[in-house]
Amino acid sequence: MESTETCGTLTFPAEVDLANGEAILAQAMELLDSGAPALILDLSGCTFCDSNGLSVITRSQLRASELGVPMWVVLPPRGFVRRVSEVAGLQRRVAIAPDVATAREALAAHR
């Protein structure tokens, strides 16, 4: 987990499932509740994400919205995680970026 003055970044592990989903969600909530002015969920290195991972993203977005904190999700350009996210309609609920640099630029422009 990385924090900067402009945002908190949570890097997801290679696989997200029932075994680690709640721990990842707890980290996201900790970043949000500690006052991070923005949040980036970085799934660029994630190769497997089941419904638990999607739940982490959705619940993080709900909390970010409650707090008025902008949030971006970085997804791999292709592969299983990208496909699962598209099928679930994630792009209709959260802002998606191709990489962390793009997400940071979008957040900087949001200020």
PDB file of N, CA and C in Angstrom:
ATOM      1  N   MET A   1       0.855  -1.169   0.000  1.00  0.00           N
ATOM      2  CA  MET A   1       0.000   0.000   0.000  1.00  0.00           C
ATOM      3  C   MET A   1       0.901   1.230   0.000  1.00  0.00           C
ATOM      4  N   GLU A   2       0.601   2.158  -0.882  1.00  0.00           N
ATOM      5  CA  GLU A   2       1.430   3.353  -1.026  1.00  0.00           C
ATOM      6  C   GLU A   2       0.528   4.570  -0.842  1.00  0.00           C
ATOM      7  N   SER A   3       0.981   5.533  -0.058  1.00  0.00           N
ATOM      8  CA  SER A   3       0.237   6.769   0.104  1.00  0.00           C
ATOM      9  C   SER A   3       1.104   7.933  -0.331  1.00  0.00           C
ATOM     10  N   THR A   4       0.495   8.863  -1.001  1.00  0.00           N
ATOM     11  CA  THR A   4       1.187  10.097  -1.339  1.00  0.00           C
ATOM     12  C   THR A   4       0.287  11.227  -0.893  1.00  0.00           C
ATOM     13  N   GLU A   5       0.757  12.451  -1.003  1.00  0.00           N
ATOM     14  CA  GLU A   5      -0.083  13.564  -0.576  1.00  0.00           C
ATOM     15  C   GLU A   5      -1.260  13.777  -1.521  1.00  0.00           C
ATOM     16  N   THR A   6      -1.179  13.293  -2.732  1.00  0.00           N
ATOM     17  CA  THR A   6      -2.283  13.503  -3.672  1.00  0.00           C
ATOM     18  C   THR A   6      -3.270  12.355  -3.704  1.00  0.00           C
ATOM     19  N   CYS A   7      -2.840  11.164  -3.310  1.00  0.00           N
ATOM     20  CA  CYS A   7      -3.769  10.042  -3.333  1.00  0.00           C
ATOM     21  C   CYS A   7      -3.202   8.850  -2.591  1.00  0.00           C
ATOM     22  N   GLY A   8      -4.077   7.903  -2.308  1.00  0.00           N
ATOM     23  CA  GLY A   8      -3.656   6.620  -1.784  1.00  0.00           C
ATOM     24  C   GLY A   8      -3.717   5.628  -2.924  1.00  0.00           C
ATOM     25  N   THR A   9      -2.739   4.754  -3.006  1.00  0.00           N
ATOM     26  CA  THR A   9      -2.734   3.732  -4.043  1.00  0.00           C
ATOM     27  C   THR A   9      -2.681   2.369  -3.373  1.00  0.00           C
ATOM     28  N   LEU A  10      -3.627   1.518  -3.737  1.00  0.00           N
ATOM     29  CA  LEU A  10      -3.657   0.158  -3.228  1.00  0.00           C
ATOM     30  C   LEU A  10      -3.411  -0.781  -4.398  1.00  0.00           C
ATOM     31  N   THR A  11      -2.297  -1.502  -4.344  1.00  0.00           N
ATOM     32  CA  THR A  11      -1.930  -2.422  -5.409  1.00  0.00           C
ATOM     33  C   THR A  11      -2.452  -3.812  -5.065  1.00  0.00           C
ATOM     34  N   PHE A  12      -3.301  -4.336  -5.935  1.00  0.00           N
ATOM     35  CA  PHE A  12      -3.877  -5.660  -5.717  1.00  0.00           C
ATOM     36  C   PHE A  12      -2.827  -6.738  -5.995  1.00  0.00           C
ATOM     37  N   PRO A  13      -2.919  -7.874  -5.299  1.00  0.00           N
ATOM     38  CA  PRO A  13      -2.021  -8.992  -5.577  1.00  0.00           C
ATOM     39  C   PRO A  13      -2.376  -9.657  -6.906  1.00  0.00           C
ATOM     40  N   ALA A  14      -1.585 -10.646  -7.307  1.00  0.00           N
ATOM     41  CA  ALA A  14      -1.814 -11.331  -8.584  1.00  0.00           C
ATOM     42  C   ALA A  14      -3.176 -12.006  -8.637  1.00  0.00           C
ATOM     43  N   GLU A  15      -3.659 -12.494  -7.498  1.00  0.00           N
ATOM     44  CA  GLU A  15      -4.962 -13.155  -7.463  1.00  0.00           C
ATOM     45  C   GLU A  15      -5.802 -12.593  -6.327  1.00  0.00           C
ATOM     46  N   VAL A  16      -7.077 -12.338  -6.630  1.00  0.00           N
ATOM     47  CA  VAL A  16      -8.023 -11.868  -5.629  1.00  0.00           C
ATOM     48  C   VAL A  16      -9.198 -12.831  -5.625  1.00  0.00           C
ATOM     49  N   ASP A  17      -9.466 -13.386  -4.440  1.00  0.00           N
ATOM     50  CA  ASP A  17     -10.571 -14.328  -4.318  1.00  0.00           C
ATOM     51  C   ASP A  17     -11.052 -14.330  -2.870  1.00  0.00           C
ATOM     52  N   LEU A  18     -11.803 -15.342  -2.497  1.00  0.00           N
ATOM     53  CA  LEU A  18     -12.369 -15.450  -1.165  1.00  0.00           C
ATOM     54  C   LEU A  18     -11.294 -15.418  -0.080  1.00  0.00           C
ATOM     55  N   ALA A  19     -10.129 -15.954  -0.382  1.00  0.00           N
ATOM     56  CA  ALA A  19      -9.056 -16.044   0.610  1.00  0.00           C
ATOM     57  C   ALA A  19      -8.504 -14.689   1.036  1.00  0.00           C
ATOM     58  N   ASN A  20      -8.513 -13.693   0.150  1.00  0.00           N
ATOM     59  CA  ASN A  20      -7.893 -12.406   0.489  1.00  0.00           C
ATOM     60  C   ASN A  20      -8.764 -11.183   0.236  1.00  0.00           C
ATOM     61  N   GLY A  21      -9.952 -11.355  -0.277  1.00  0.00           N
ATOM     62  CA  GLY A  21     -10.806 -10.216  -0.614  1.00  0.00           C
ATOM     63  C   GLY A  21     -11.095  -9.295   0.559  1.00  0.00           C
ATOM     64  N   GLU A  22     -11.446  -9.868   1.713  1.00  0.00           N
ATOM     65  CA  GLU A  22     -11.773  -9.030   2.877  1.00  0.00           C
ATOM     66  C   GLU A  22     -10.560  -8.247   3.377  1.00  0.00           C
ATOM     67  N   ALA A  23      -9.387  -8.848   3.327  1.00  0.00           N
ATOM     68  CA  ALA A  23      -8.173  -8.147   3.758  1.00  0.00           C
ATOM     69  C   ALA A  23      -7.865  -6.971   2.831  1.00  0.00           C
ATOM     70  N   ILE A  24      -8.071  -7.166   1.545  1.00  0.00           N
ATOM     71  CA  ILE A  24      -7.839  -6.089   0.583  1.00  0.00           C
ATOM     72  C   ILE A  24      -8.858  -4.968   0.805  1.00  0.00           C
ATOM     73  N   LEU A  25     -10.113  -5.351   1.030  1.00  0.00           N
ATOM     74  CA  LEU A  25     -11.145  -4.350   1.314  1.00  0.00           C
ATOM     75  C   LEU A  25     -10.788  -3.556   2.570  1.00  0.00           C
ATOM     76  N   ALA A  26     -10.309  -4.235   3.598  1.00  0.00           N
ATOM     77  CA  ALA A  26      -9.924  -3.543   4.835  1.00  0.00           C
ATOM     78  C   ALA A  26      -8.827  -2.516   4.561  1.00  0.00           C
ATOM     79  N   GLN A  27      -7.875  -2.855   3.702  1.00  0.00           N
ATOM     80  CA  GLN A  27      -6.813  -1.904   3.351  1.00  0.00           C
ATOM     81  C   GLN A  27      -7.387  -0.693   2.625  1.00  0.00           C
ATOM     82  N   ALA A  28      -8.316  -0.931   1.704  1.00  0.00           N
ATOM     83  CA  ALA A  28      -8.933   0.179   0.975  1.00  0.00           C
ATOM     84  C   ALA A  28      -9.704   1.088   1.932  1.00  0.00           C
ATOM     85  N   MET A  29     -10.454   0.489   2.851  1.00  0.00           N
ATOM     86  CA  MET A  29     -11.229   1.275   3.813  1.00  0.00           C
ATOM     87  C   MET A  29     -10.301   2.076   4.726  1.00  0.00           C
ATOM     88  N   GLU A  30      -9.187   1.471   5.103  1.00  0.00           N
ATOM     89  CA  GLU A  30      -8.215   2.164   5.940  1.00  0.00           C
ATOM     90  C   GLU A  30      -7.671   3.397   5.226  1.00  0.00           C
ATOM     91  N   LEU A  31      -7.338   3.250   3.953  1.00  0.00           N
ATOM     92  CA  LEU A  31      -6.856   4.403   3.180  1.00  0.00           C
ATOM     93  C   LEU A  31      -7.915   5.493   3.115  1.00  0.00           C
ATOM     94  N   LEU A  32      -9.137   5.095   2.805  1.00  0.00           N
ATOM     95  CA  LEU A  32     -10.220   6.081   2.686  1.00  0.00           C
ATOM     96  C   LEU A  32     -10.523   6.744   4.024  1.00  0.00           C
ATOM     97  N   ASP A  33     -10.626   5.949   5.068  1.00  0.00           N
ATOM     98  CA  ASP A  33     -10.988   6.490   6.378  1.00  0.00           C
ATOM     99  C   ASP A  33      -9.865   7.277   7.033  1.00  0.00           C
ATOM    100  N   SER A  34      -8.622   7.107   6.546  1.00  0.00           N
ATOM    101  CA  SER A  34      -7.503   7.862   7.101  1.00  0.00           C
ATOM    102  C   SER A  34      -7.381   9.251   6.475  1.00  0.00           C
ATOM    103  N   GLY A  35      -8.272   9.554   5.533  1.00  0.00           N
ATOM    104  CA  GLY A  35      -8.278  10.891   4.958  1.00  0.00           C
ATOM    105  C   GLY A  35      -7.585  11.032   3.622  1.00  0.00           C
ATOM    106  N   ALA A  36      -7.312   9.935   2.944  1.00  0.00           N
ATOM    107  CA  ALA A  36      -6.709  10.042   1.613  1.00  0.00           C
ATOM    108  C   ALA A  36      -7.615  10.904   0.735  1.00  0.00           C
ATOM    109  N   PRO A  37      -7.062  11.911   0.065  1.00  0.00           N
ATOM    110  CA  PRO A  37      -7.894  12.795  -0.757  1.00  0.00           C
ATOM    111  C   PRO A  37      -8.354  12.151  -2.063  1.00  0.00           C
ATOM    112  N   ALA A  38      -7.761  11.014  -2.435  1.00  0.00           N
ATOM    113  CA  ALA A  38      -8.138  10.279  -3.645  1.00  0.00           C
ATOM    114  C   ALA A  38      -7.625   8.855  -3.482  1.00  0.00           C
ATOM    115  N   LEU A  39      -8.212   7.939  -4.261  1.00  0.00           N
ATOM    116  CA  LEU A  39      -7.812   6.540  -4.162  1.00  0.00           C
ATOM    117  C   LEU A  39      -7.645   5.938  -5.550  1.00  0.00           C
ATOM    118  N   ILE A  40      -6.554   5.209  -5.711  1.00  0.00           N
ATOM    119  CA  ILE A  40      -6.319   4.421  -6.928  1.00  0.00           C
ATOM    120  C   ILE A  40      -6.230   2.959  -6.509  1.00  0.00           C
ATOM    121  N   LEU A  41      -7.068   2.119  -7.131  1.00  0.00           N
ATOM    122  CA  LEU A  41      -6.981   0.681  -6.948  1.00  0.00           C
ATOM    123  C   LEU A  41      -6.251   0.153  -8.177  1.00  0.00           C
ATOM    124  N   ASP A  42      -5.046  -0.344  -7.966  1.00  0.00           N
ATOM    125  CA  ASP A  42      -4.181  -0.768  -9.069  1.00  0.00           C
ATOM    126  C   ASP A  42      -4.253  -2.278  -9.261  1.00  0.00           C
ATOM    127  N   LEU A  43      -4.946  -2.699 -10.316  1.00  0.00           N
ATOM    128  CA  LEU A  43      -5.058  -4.114 -10.651  1.00  0.00           C
ATOM    129  C   LEU A  43      -4.185  -4.472 -11.848  1.00  0.00           C
ATOM    130  N   SER A  44      -3.232  -3.619 -12.184  1.00  0.00           N
ATOM    131  CA  SER A  44      -2.430  -3.848 -13.379  1.00  0.00           C
ATOM    132  C   SER A  44      -1.638  -5.150 -13.329  1.00  0.00           C
ATOM    133  N   GLY A  45      -1.303  -5.633 -12.143  1.00  0.00           N
ATOM    134  CA  GLY A  45      -0.574  -6.882 -12.020  1.00  0.00           C
ATOM    135  C   GLY A  45      -1.451  -8.054 -11.608  1.00  0.00           C
ATOM    136  N   CYS A  46      -2.740  -7.825 -11.571  1.00  0.00           N
ATOM    137  CA  CYS A  46      -3.688  -8.858 -11.146  1.00  0.00           C
ATOM    138  C   CYS A  46      -4.053  -9.739 -12.349  1.00  0.00           C
ATOM    139  N   THR A  47      -3.893 -11.057 -12.190  1.00  0.00           N
ATOM    140  CA  THR A  47      -4.201 -11.970 -13.286  1.00  0.00           C
ATOM    141  C   THR A  47      -5.471 -12.772 -13.058  1.00  0.00           C
ATOM    142  N   PHE A  48      -5.985 -12.776 -11.809  1.00  0.00           N
ATOM    143  CA  PHE A  48      -7.234 -13.466 -11.500  1.00  0.00           C
ATOM    144  C   PHE A  48      -8.005 -12.658 -10.489  1.00  0.00           C
ATOM    145  N   CYS A  49      -9.274 -12.436 -10.782  1.00  0.00           N
ATOM    146  CA  CYS A  49     -10.140 -11.660  -9.895  1.00  0.00           C
ATOM    147  C   CYS A  49     -11.541 -12.239 -10.003  1.00  0.00           C
ATOM    148  N   ASP A  50     -12.054 -12.791  -8.904  1.00  0.00           N
ATOM    149  CA  ASP A  50     -13.411 -13.318  -8.942  1.00  0.00           C
ATOM    150  C   ASP A  50     -14.374 -12.277  -8.378  1.00  0.00           C
ATOM    151  N   SER A  51     -15.563 -12.694  -8.027  1.00  0.00           N
ATOM    152  CA  SER A  51     -16.569 -11.753  -7.545  1.00  0.00           C
ATOM    153  C   SER A  51     -16.137 -11.048  -6.266  1.00  0.00           C
ATOM    154  N   ASN A  52     -15.246 -11.650  -5.491  1.00  0.00           N
ATOM    155  CA  ASN A  52     -14.738 -10.982  -4.293  1.00  0.00           C
ATOM    156  C   ASN A  52     -13.943  -9.734  -4.658  1.00  0.00           C
ATOM    157  N   GLY A  53     -13.162  -9.809  -5.712  1.00  0.00           N
ATOM    158  CA  GLY A  53     -12.411  -8.643  -6.163  1.00  0.00           C
ATOM    159  C   GLY A  53     -13.325  -7.544  -6.671  1.00  0.00           C
ATOM    160  N   LEU A  54     -14.350  -7.943  -7.410  1.00  0.00           N
ATOM    161  CA  LEU A  54     -15.320  -6.953  -7.889  1.00  0.00           C
ATOM    162  C   LEU A  54     -16.051  -6.315  -6.712  1.00  0.00           C
ATOM    163  N   SER A  55     -16.326  -7.103  -5.683  1.00  0.00           N
ATOM    164  CA  SER A  55     -16.968  -6.576  -4.485  1.00  0.00           C
ATOM    165  C   SER A  55     -16.071  -5.559  -3.785  1.00  0.00           C
ATOM    166  N   VAL A  56     -14.775  -5.841  -3.717  1.00  0.00           N
ATOM    167  CA  VAL A  56     -13.828  -4.896  -3.120  1.00  0.00           C
ATOM    168  C   VAL A  56     -13.895  -3.562  -3.859  1.00  0.00           C
ATOM    169  N   ILE A  57     -13.886  -3.617  -5.164  1.00  0.00           N
ATOM    170  CA  ILE A  57     -13.921  -2.392  -5.971  1.00  0.00           C
ATOM    171  C   ILE A  57     -15.234  -1.645  -5.754  1.00  0.00           C
ATOM    172  N   THR A  58     -16.343  -2.359  -5.822  1.00  0.00           N
ATOM    173  CA  THR A  58     -17.657  -1.725  -5.674  1.00  0.00           C
ATOM    174  C   THR A  58     -17.838  -1.133  -4.291  1.00  0.00           C
ATOM    175  N   ARG A  59     -17.463  -1.868  -3.263  1.00  0.00           N
ATOM    176  CA  ARG A  59     -17.624  -1.366  -1.895  1.00  0.00           C
ATOM    177  C   ARG A  59     -16.678  -0.196  -1.628  1.00  0.00           C
ATOM    178  N   SER A  60     -15.495  -0.238  -2.214  1.00  0.00           N
ATOM    179  CA  SER A  60     -14.568   0.893  -2.077  1.00  0.00           C
ATOM    180  C   SER A  60     -15.143   2.128  -2.744  1.00  0.00           C
ATOM    181  N   GLN A  61     -15.755   1.945  -3.920  1.00  0.00           N
ATOM    182  CA  GLN A  61     -16.366   3.070  -4.630  1.00  0.00           C
ATOM    183  C   GLN A  61     -17.513   3.666  -3.811  1.00  0.00           C
ATOM    184  N   LEU A  62     -18.322   2.824  -3.198  1.00  0.00           N
ATOM    185  CA  LEU A  62     -19.424   3.316  -2.362  1.00  0.00           C
ATOM    186  C   LEU A  62     -18.888   4.162  -1.214  1.00  0.00           C
ATOM    187  N   ARG A  63     -17.854   3.673  -0.537  1.00  0.00           N
ATOM    188  CA  ARG A  63     -17.278   4.422   0.587  1.00  0.00           C
ATOM    189  C   ARG A  63     -16.621   5.707   0.092  1.00  0.00           C
ATOM    190  N   ALA A  64     -15.910   5.639  -1.019  1.00  0.00           N
ATOM    191  CA  ALA A  64     -15.286   6.841  -1.574  1.00  0.00           C
ATOM    192  C   ALA A  64     -16.347   7.886  -1.904  1.00  0.00           C
ATOM    193  N   SER A  65     -17.450   7.442  -2.484  1.00  0.00           N
ATOM    194  CA  SER A  65     -18.543   8.368  -2.813  1.00  0.00           C
ATOM    195  C   SER A  65     -19.126   8.997  -1.559  1.00  0.00           C
ATOM    196  N   GLU A  66     -19.315   8.195  -0.516  1.00  0.00           N
ATOM    197  CA  GLU A  66     -19.824   8.723   0.754  1.00  0.00           C
ATOM    198  C   GLU A  66     -18.923   9.820   1.302  1.00  0.00           C
ATOM    199  N   LEU A  67     -17.623   9.640   1.130  1.00  0.00           N
ATOM    200  CA  LEU A  67     -16.643  10.591   1.653  1.00  0.00           C
ATOM    201  C   LEU A  67     -16.323  11.722   0.683  1.00  0.00           C
ATOM    202  N   GLY A  68     -16.840  11.638  -0.539  1.00  0.00           N
ATOM    203  CA  GLY A  68     -16.529  12.655  -1.541  1.00  0.00           C
ATOM    204  C   GLY A  68     -15.109  12.535  -2.066  1.00  0.00           C
ATOM    205  N   VAL A  69     -14.576  11.313  -2.086  1.00  0.00           N
ATOM    206  CA  VAL A  69     -13.195  11.063  -2.513  1.00  0.00           C
ATOM    207  C   VAL A  69     -13.218  10.462  -3.919  1.00  0.00           C
ATOM    208  N   PRO A  70     -12.526  11.068  -4.867  1.00  0.00           N
ATOM    209  CA  PRO A  70     -12.471  10.477  -6.207  1.00  0.00           C
ATOM    210  C   PRO A  70     -11.663   9.177  -6.204  1.00  0.00           C
ATOM    211  N   MET A  71     -12.101   8.238  -7.043  1.00  0.00           N
ATOM    212  CA  MET A  71     -11.440   6.939  -7.105  1.00  0.00           C
ATOM    213  C   MET A  71     -11.294   6.496  -8.549  1.00  0.00           C
ATOM    214  N   TRP A  72     -10.143   5.919  -8.863  1.00  0.00           N
ATOM    215  CA  TRP A  72      -9.865   5.346 -10.185  1.00  0.00           C
ATOM    216  C   TRP A  72      -9.404   3.915 -10.012  1.00  0.00           C
ATOM    217  N   VAL A  73      -9.749   3.084 -10.970  1.00  0.00           N
ATOM    218  CA  VAL A  73      -9.323   1.690 -10.987  1.00  0.00           C
ATOM    219  C   VAL A  73      -8.434   1.485 -12.203  1.00  0.00           C
ATOM    220  N   VAL A  74      -7.238   0.950 -11.976  1.00  0.00           N
ATOM    221  CA  VAL A  74      -6.306   0.643 -13.056  1.00  0.00           C
ATOM    222  C   VAL A  74      -6.475  -0.837 -13.398  1.00  0.00           C
ATOM    223  N   LEU A  75      -6.844  -1.096 -14.655  1.00  0.00           N
ATOM    224  CA  LEU A  75      -7.057  -2.467 -15.119  1.00  0.00           C
ATOM    225  C   LEU A  75      -6.041  -2.828 -16.186  1.00  0.00           C
ATOM    226  N   PRO A  76      -5.652  -4.111 -16.233  1.00  0.00           N
ATOM    227  CA  PRO A  76      -4.792  -4.548 -17.331  1.00  0.00           C
ATOM    228  C   PRO A  76      -5.519  -4.326 -18.659  1.00  0.00           C
ATOM    229  N   PRO A  77      -4.787  -4.049 -19.727  1.00  0.00           N
ATOM    230  CA  PRO A  77      -5.431  -3.744 -21.008  1.00  0.00           C
ATOM    231  C   PRO A  77      -6.215  -4.922 -21.600  1.00  0.00           C
ATOM    232  N   ARG A  78      -5.825  -6.138 -21.251  1.00  0.00           N
ATOM    233  CA  ARG A  78      -6.544  -7.321 -21.734  1.00  0.00           C
ATOM    234  C   ARG A  78      -6.326  -8.441 -20.740  1.00  0.00           C
ATOM    235  N   GLY A  79      -6.988  -9.548 -20.974  1.00  0.00           N
ATOM    236  CA  GLY A  79      -6.829 -10.691 -20.090  1.00  0.00           C
ATOM    237  C   GLY A  79      -8.073 -10.951 -19.266  1.00  0.00           C
ATOM    238  N   PHE A  80      -7.967 -11.899 -18.378  1.00  0.00           N
ATOM    239  CA  PHE A  80      -9.097 -12.368 -17.596  1.00  0.00           C
ATOM    240  C   PHE A  80      -9.717 -11.274 -16.730  1.00  0.00           C
ATOM    241  N   VAL A  81      -8.882 -10.516 -16.027  1.00  0.00           N
ATOM    242  CA  VAL A  81      -9.397  -9.488 -15.116  1.00  0.00           C
ATOM    243  C   VAL A  81     -10.144  -8.413 -15.892  1.00  0.00           C
ATOM    244  N   ARG A  82      -9.606  -7.993 -17.005  1.00  0.00           N
ATOM    245  CA  ARG A  82     -10.263  -6.998 -17.845  1.00  0.00           C
ATOM    246  C   ARG A  82     -11.614  -7.529 -18.330  1.00  0.00           C
ATOM    247  N   ARG A  83     -11.623  -8.774 -18.790  1.00  0.00           N
ATOM    248  CA  ARG A  83     -12.855  -9.369 -19.324  1.00  0.00           C
ATOM    249  C   ARG A  83     -13.924  -9.503 -18.241  1.00  0.00           C
ATOM    250  N   VAL A  84     -13.545  -9.982 -17.066  1.00  0.00           N
ATOM    251  CA  VAL A  84     -14.507 -10.097 -15.960  1.00  0.00           C
ATOM    252  C   VAL A  84     -15.074  -8.724 -15.606  1.00  0.00           C
ATOM    253  N   SER A  85     -14.224  -7.722 -15.591  1.00  0.00           N
ATOM    254  CA  SER A  85     -14.663  -6.357 -15.276  1.00  0.00           C
ATOM    255  C   SER A  85     -15.640  -5.833 -16.319  1.00  0.00           C
ATOM    256  N   GLU A  86     -15.367  -6.113 -17.587  1.00  0.00           N
ATOM    257  CA  GLU A  86     -16.259  -5.670 -18.661  1.00  0.00           C
ATOM    258  C   GLU A  86     -17.607  -6.378 -18.594  1.00  0.00           C
ATOM    259  N   VAL A  87     -17.587  -7.692 -18.373  1.00  0.00           N
ATOM    260  CA  VAL A  87     -18.838  -8.455 -18.280  1.00  0.00           C
ATOM    261  C   VAL A  87     -19.678  -7.958 -17.105  1.00  0.00           C
ATOM    262  N   ALA A  88     -19.021  -7.621 -16.004  1.00  0.00           N
ATOM    263  CA  ALA A  88     -19.729  -7.130 -14.824  1.00  0.00           C
ATOM    264  C   ALA A  88     -20.185  -5.677 -14.962  1.00  0.00           C
ATOM    265  N   GLY A  89     -19.755  -4.992 -16.022  1.00  0.00           N
ATOM    266  CA  GLY A  89     -20.147  -3.597 -16.224  1.00  0.00           C
ATOM    267  C   GLY A  89     -19.448  -2.627 -15.295  1.00  0.00           C
ATOM    268  N   LEU A  90     -18.267  -2.986 -14.839  1.00  0.00           N
ATOM    269  CA  LEU A  90     -17.533  -2.155 -13.890  1.00  0.00           C
ATOM    270  C   LEU A  90     -17.297  -0.745 -14.418  1.00  0.00           C
ATOM    271  N   GLN A  91     -17.046  -0.625 -15.726  1.00  0.00           N
ATOM    272  CA  GLN A  91     -16.756   0.693 -16.309  1.00  0.00           C
ATOM    273  C   GLN A  91     -17.948   1.648 -16.222  1.00  0.00           C
ATOM    274  N   ARG A  92     -19.144   1.132 -15.960  1.00  0.00           N
ATOM    275  CA  ARG A  92     -20.312   2.006 -15.774  1.00  0.00           C
ATOM    276  C   ARG A  92     -20.398   2.538 -14.353  1.00  0.00           C
ATOM    277  N   ARG A  93     -19.621   1.954 -13.432  1.00  0.00           N
ATOM    278  CA  ARG A  93     -19.706   2.344 -12.025  1.00  0.00           C
ATOM    279  C   ARG A  93     -18.478   3.057 -11.493  1.00  0.00           C
ATOM    280  N   VAL A  94     -17.334   2.792 -12.111  1.00  0.00           N
ATOM    281  CA  VAL A  94     -16.091   3.401 -11.619  1.00  0.00           C
ATOM    282  C   VAL A  94     -15.282   3.934 -12.790  1.00  0.00           C
ATOM    283  N   ALA A  95     -14.406   4.868 -12.468  1.00  0.00           N
ATOM    284  CA  ALA A  95     -13.502   5.407 -13.487  1.00  0.00           C
ATOM    285  C   ALA A  95     -12.374   4.410 -13.703  1.00  0.00           C
ATOM    286  N   ILE A  96     -12.100   4.090 -14.964  1.00  0.00           N
ATOM    287  CA  ILE A  96     -11.088   3.108 -15.327  1.00  0.00           C
ATOM    288  C   ILE A  96      -9.928   3.817 -16.031  1.00  0.00           C
ATOM    289  N   ALA A  97      -8.706   3.427 -15.662  1.00  0.00           N
ATOM    290  CA  ALA A  97      -7.509   3.969 -16.316  1.00  0.00           C
ATOM    291  C   ALA A  97      -6.637   2.803 -16.789  1.00  0.00           C
ATOM    292  N   PRO A  98      -5.850   3.026 -17.847  1.00  0.00           N
ATOM    293  CA  PRO A  98      -4.984   1.962 -18.356  1.00  0.00           C
ATOM    294  C   PRO A  98      -3.712   1.763 -17.532  1.00  0.00           C
ATOM    295  N   ASP A  99      -3.334   2.787 -16.739  1.00  0.00           N
ATOM    296  CA  ASP A  99      -2.128   2.682 -15.916  1.00  0.00           C
ATOM    297  C   ASP A  99      -2.205   3.708 -14.790  1.00  0.00           C
ATOM    298  N   VAL A 100      -1.326   3.557 -13.813  1.00  0.00           N
ATOM    299  CA  VAL A 100      -1.350   4.430 -12.635  1.00  0.00           C
ATOM    300  C   VAL A 100      -1.051   5.878 -13.015  1.00  0.00           C
ATOM    301  N   ALA A 101      -0.121   6.104 -13.941  1.00  0.00           N
ATOM    302  CA  ALA A 101       0.220   7.470 -14.347  1.00  0.00           C
ATOM    303  C   ALA A 101      -1.005   8.195 -14.903  1.00  0.00           C
ATOM    304  N   THR A 102      -1.777   7.520 -15.723  1.00  0.00           N
ATOM    305  CA  THR A 102      -2.988   8.126 -16.285  1.00  0.00           C
ATOM    306  C   THR A 102      -3.999   8.428 -15.184  1.00  0.00           C
ATOM    307  N   ALA A 103      -4.145   7.515 -14.239  1.00  0.00           N
ATOM    308  CA  ALA A 103      -5.066   7.747 -13.124  1.00  0.00           C
ATOM    309  C   ALA A 103      -4.626   8.950 -12.300  1.00  0.00           C
ATOM    310  N   ARG A 104      -3.340   9.051 -12.032  1.00  0.00           N
ATOM    311  CA  ARG A 104      -2.827  10.201 -11.266  1.00  0.00           C
ATOM    312  C   ARG A 104      -3.050  11.517 -12.017  1.00  0.00           C
ATOM    313  N   GLU A 105      -2.840  11.508 -13.325  1.00  0.00           N
ATOM    314  CA  GLU A 105      -3.083  12.710 -14.125  1.00  0.00           C
ATOM    315  C   GLU A 105      -4.553  13.117 -14.047  1.00  0.00           C
ATOM    316  N   ALA A 106      -5.446  12.131 -14.152  1.00  0.00           N
ATOM    317  CA  ALA A 106      -6.890  12.425 -14.083  1.00  0.00           C
ATOM    318  C   ALA A 106      -7.250  12.981 -12.715  1.00  0.00           C
ATOM    319  N   LEU A 107      -6.671  12.437 -11.677  1.00  0.00           N
ATOM    320  CA  LEU A 107      -6.954  12.939 -10.336  1.00  0.00           C
ATOM    321  C   LEU A 107      -6.402  14.349 -10.145  1.00  0.00           C
ATOM    322  N   ALA A 108      -5.229  14.622 -10.691  1.00  0.00           N
ATOM    323  CA  ALA A 108      -4.657  15.961 -10.595  1.00  0.00           C
ATOM    324  C   ALA A 108      -5.525  16.972 -11.320  1.00  0.00           C
ATOM    325  N   ALA A 109      -6.087  16.581 -12.442  1.00  0.00           N
ATOM    326  CA  ALA A 109      -6.973  17.471 -13.205  1.00  0.00           C
ATOM    327  C   ALA A 109      -8.290  17.694 -12.486  1.00  0.00           C
ATOM    328  N   HIS A 110      -8.670  16.746 -11.645  1.00  0.00           N
ATOM    329  CA  HIS A 110      -9.931  16.805 -10.902  1.00  0.00           C
ATOM    330  C   HIS A 110      -9.896  17.841  -9.796  1.00  0.00           C
ATOM    331  N   ARG A 111      -8.694  18.147  -9.325  1.00  0.00           N
ATOM    332  CA  ARG A 111      -8.542  19.054  -8.160  1.00  0.00           C
ATOM    333  C   ARG A 111      -8.969  20.444  -8.442  1.00  0.00           C
TER     334      ARG A 111
END
